[in-house]
Amino acid sequence: MTKKLFYEDVYVKDFTANITDIVEKDDKFHIILDQTAFYPEGGGQPSDIGLIDDIKIEYVYEEGDMIYHVAKQRPTHFIAASCSIDWRHRFDHMQQHLGQHILSGCFEKLFQGETIGFHLGNEFVTIDIAMDNLLDTRAEEVEFMANQIIYNNLPVKQLYPDPEKLQQLPLRKPPKVKENIRIIEVEQFDYSPCGGTHPHYTGEVGLIKVRKWEKMKGALRIEFVCGNRALKDYYWKNNGINKISTLLSVKDLEAAESVERLYKEHNLLKKELRISKNQLTDYEAAFLYEEGKVHKDIKILAKVFDPKDMNELRTLAAKIATRPKIILLFGSKQNGKAQILFSRSQDVDINMNELLKEVSPMINGKGGGNPQTAQGGGDDLSNLEGALQAAEKILIHRYL
């Protein structure tokens, strides 16, 4: 059995231990110590990382009574190995985990919102609350209460109650194990079965900030950050708001309102631009239709655009093709590539897809479509005009 120093003193950062066994699998070494301050992954909390002598420990897990420390190197020193955990990594997890207890307790007390899920990620923490919805005002209420618990700097204790005492505790949730039940008590506020690591006082959490929430499988997923993560979250948001307010020449408190106004103006301008572009395309379509060369009773319009966006070209072709008896052979030079688009009106019975496949090798390209419209592209830009001329000759000599 590995002795768990993290339960005896959660603040132990450095310690010595004897290596009792090493299991090699998957090209890694799973090291067993007689005692450890490395917390193994479990209960929604990631494992500690750190060093055993100069060997980096990248993952820690527990199986049965043993805790395994996973490394890429094999230790050579087995007696009184010098061990250290990454304290910044550990303390971050302690802040987030106790913050979760506090926030879950607040949801329970204010709105009878039961916590049914918990995940401590690398950037954010989430809890799933059995509630249908959450108003902004209620989220503020929960957040305010949680931070008052922090400011009151309440003691945090770990209890190992006997069955009789366990029955008397107002547990927020039932324990998942039947033996060695460990209860984390936030004094006179929250009692929760938990095997994780937590600071001794709520004040060490520093701050709890709810970032957002969304509906998730019949519950609400609450995303939040605590302590140094909350401070980091505030840094980038504050910097962002300051930059926006400077750009818009408004106060930071007016930034959101100004951005919303600009967003509405932007959408209005986009709509007006779309209408104007559509009208311009109508004029261009009418003009180009008249440029078509008549062969028998069919017009052929062969034209290279330098450049023209293919979406715009498709729109233009579709407008021209609503007119009678016309075939369109369009090309466009874009980013060093050759693009071709063949289309026709409904009353012309010539397969544009077959025509495109016949001439697309001339631009070292390929493409496809249907009998009325086909599109392709290739990397031989120098032969784009030649491909359109070849397509026009095929139409004249074979079909017209």
Foldseek 3Di string as FASTA:
>chain_A
DEAAVCQVPVPDFKFWWFWDDWDDDPLKIWTWTNYDPWAADDDQFATWWWDFQNWTFDHWHDDDPTITTITNDDDPDGGGTITGTPVVSQLQRQLVVVLVQLLQLLCCVPPVWHWDDWHDDPQKIKTWTQDQDDDPVRVVVSQVSSVVQLVVFFFKDKDQDDPVVVVVDPASDDDPDDPSFIWIDRDPGHIYTDDGHHDGTSNSQVGKDWDDWDDDPNTIMTIIHTDPSVVVVCVVVVVVLVVQCVVVVHDSVCSVVVVVVVVVVVVVVVVVVVVVLLVVLLVVLVVQLVVFDDQPHATEREDEDAADDVVSVVVSQVNNLCDPRYWYWYWHQDPQKIKIKIFHHPPDQAAPFVLCQVLVVQQPKHWGDTRGMIMMIHNNPVCNSVSSVVSVVCCNPPPD
